[in-house]
Protein backbone atom coordinates (compact mmCIF):
# COMPACT_ATOMS: atom_id res chain seq x y z
CA MET A 1 23.44 16.00 18.60
CA LEU A 2 23.87 19.86 18.40
CA ARG A 3 21.12 21.15 15.75
CA PHE A 4 21.34 24.63 14.57
CA TYR A 5 18.99 26.32 12.21
CA VAL A 6 20.11 29.17 10.20
CA ASP A 7 17.91 31.62 8.42
CA LYS A 8 18.18 34.83 6.34
CA PRO A 9 15.99 37.18 4.06
CA GLY A 10 15.90 35.51 0.61
CA GLY A 11 16.31 31.87 2.00
CA VAL A 12 19.30 29.69 2.97
CA THR A 13 21.37 27.96 0.45
CA ILE A 14 23.13 24.51 0.75
CA GLU A 15 26.20 26.39 0.70
CA ASP A 16 25.17 28.70 3.46
CA CYS A 17 24.68 25.59 5.52
CA ALA A 18 28.03 24.28 4.70
CA PHE A 19 29.54 27.44 5.53
CA ALA A 20 27.80 27.60 9.06
CA SER A 21 28.69 24.02 9.92
CA ARG A 22 32.30 24.41 8.95
CA HIS A 23 32.54 27.72 11.38
CA LEU A 24 30.37 26.36 14.03
CA GLY A 25 32.44 23.13 14.14
CA ASP A 26 35.63 24.96 14.16
CA LEU A 27 34.41 27.08 17.16
CA LEU A 28 32.93 24.08 18.99
CA ASP A 29 36.31 22.16 18.57
CA ALA A 30 38.00 25.41 19.96
CA VAL A 31 36.12 26.30 22.96
CA TRP A 32 34.16 23.06 24.09
CA GLU A 33 36.02 21.33 26.61
CA THR A 34 34.88 17.64 26.31
CA ASP A 35 35.96 14.41 25.02
CA MET A 36 32.68 13.44 24.32
CA PRO A 37 31.87 13.09 20.56
CA TYR A 38 28.90 15.26 19.10
CA PHE A 39 27.12 15.13 15.79
CA LEU A 40 26.58 18.71 14.33
CA GLU A 41 23.55 19.35 12.23
CA VAL A 42 22.94 22.65 10.51
CA SER A 43 19.94 23.39 8.53
CA SER A 44 17.26 25.87 7.67
CA PRO A 45 13.61 25.75 8.56
CA GLY A 46 13.20 25.16 4.83
CA LEU A 47 9.90 24.46 3.05
CA ASN A 48 8.31 22.89 6.08
CA ARG A 49 8.41 26.06 7.90
CA PRO A 50 4.86 27.08 9.07
CA LEU A 51 3.79 30.61 7.90
CA VAL A 52 1.85 31.87 10.75
CA LYS A 53 1.98 35.74 11.07
CA GLU A 54 1.52 38.46 8.64
CA GLU A 55 5.34 39.26 8.16
CA ASP A 56 5.72 35.51 7.18
CA PHE A 57 3.31 36.03 4.26
CA ASN A 58 4.94 39.21 3.36
CA ARG A 59 8.47 37.70 3.41
CA PHE A 60 7.47 35.00 0.93
CA HIS A 61 5.50 37.24 -1.30
CA GLY A 62 5.35 35.73 -4.88
CA ARG A 63 6.31 32.07 -3.65
CA LEU A 64 3.99 28.96 -4.10
CA ALA A 65 2.18 28.00 -0.93
CA VAL A 66 -0.74 25.93 0.34
CA ILE A 67 -2.92 27.30 2.84
CA ARG A 68 -5.64 25.06 4.46
CA THR A 69 -8.49 26.52 6.52
CA GLY A 70 -10.32 25.21 9.50
CA LEU A 71 -13.67 25.74 7.90
CA PRO A 72 -14.58 26.10 4.21
CA LEU A 73 -14.29 29.51 2.66
CA ASN A 74 -16.17 29.66 -0.74
CA GLY A 75 -16.76 25.74 -0.58
CA ARG A 76 -13.06 24.94 -0.08
CA ARG A 77 -10.42 24.44 2.61
CA LYS A 78 -7.21 23.95 0.58
CA PHE A 79 -5.88 27.13 -1.29
CA LYS A 80 -2.65 26.50 -3.38
CA GLY A 81 -1.46 29.34 -5.21
CA ARG A 82 1.11 32.52 -5.33
CA LEU A 83 1.15 34.48 -1.93
CA LEU A 84 0.48 38.09 -2.38
CA GLY A 85 1.41 38.96 1.26
CA ALA A 86 -0.71 39.86 4.17
CA ALA A 87 -2.31 42.99 5.62
CA ASP A 88 -5.16 43.90 8.24
CA GLY A 89 -5.60 40.32 9.21
CA ASN A 90 -5.99 38.81 5.80
CA VAL A 91 -3.51 36.76 3.52
CA GLY A 92 -3.86 37.26 -0.33
CA ILE A 93 -3.17 34.34 -2.59
CA VAL A 94 -3.83 34.18 -6.34
CA VAL A 95 -5.74 30.70 -6.78
CA ASP A 96 -6.22 29.37 -10.47
CA GLY A 97 -5.85 33.10 -11.60
CA ALA A 98 -8.24 34.74 -9.16
CA SER A 99 -7.01 36.67 -6.07
CA VAL A 100 -8.39 35.16 -2.80
CA ALA A 101 -8.37 36.80 0.67
CA ILE A 102 -8.11 34.57 3.45
CA PRO A 103 -8.46 35.76 7.13
CA LEU A 104 -5.60 35.03 9.19
CA SER A 105 -7.72 33.49 11.90
CA ALA A 106 -9.17 30.94 9.49
CA ILE A 107 -6.05 29.66 8.46
CA SER A 108 -5.08 26.19 10.14
CA THR A 109 -1.87 25.48 8.19
CA ALA A 110 0.15 27.23 5.91
CA ARG A 111 3.28 26.30 4.17
CA LEU A 112 5.58 26.92 1.19
CA GLN A 113 5.53 24.63 -1.56
CA TYR A 114 8.76 23.34 -3.54
CA GLU A 115 9.35 24.55 -7.08
CA HIS A 116 11.92 23.78 -9.58
CA GLY A 117 15.06 25.58 -8.75
CA ASP A 118 14.58 25.84 -4.88
CA SER A 119 18.11 25.14 -3.44
CA THR A 120 17.38 25.28 0.37
CA CYS A 121 19.04 23.01 2.66
């Protein structure tokens, strides 16, 4: 099995994955000298991609995300809302209409959430 992940600013569509799969398949068939069959998988990190660095949160500014903290902040550990980006070690997110700053060091997991109209592969 050969697994390739593709990514680009603005996200990856199913058409992007199909394009990459066709071209990678053609390239492999032309240059890989083996009689062994292979399975080629092309996908994007998609919604399960972890958001870790400030640049991750800035890249997905405006997207719906869920952030979980190791310890409670203001009485809660789960924050679901729109990302405002990150700066100076804090991540901004709008939760229930209020802007919340979460220290990057307090985040245990952060992931994008599916929204109607998402077309990632």
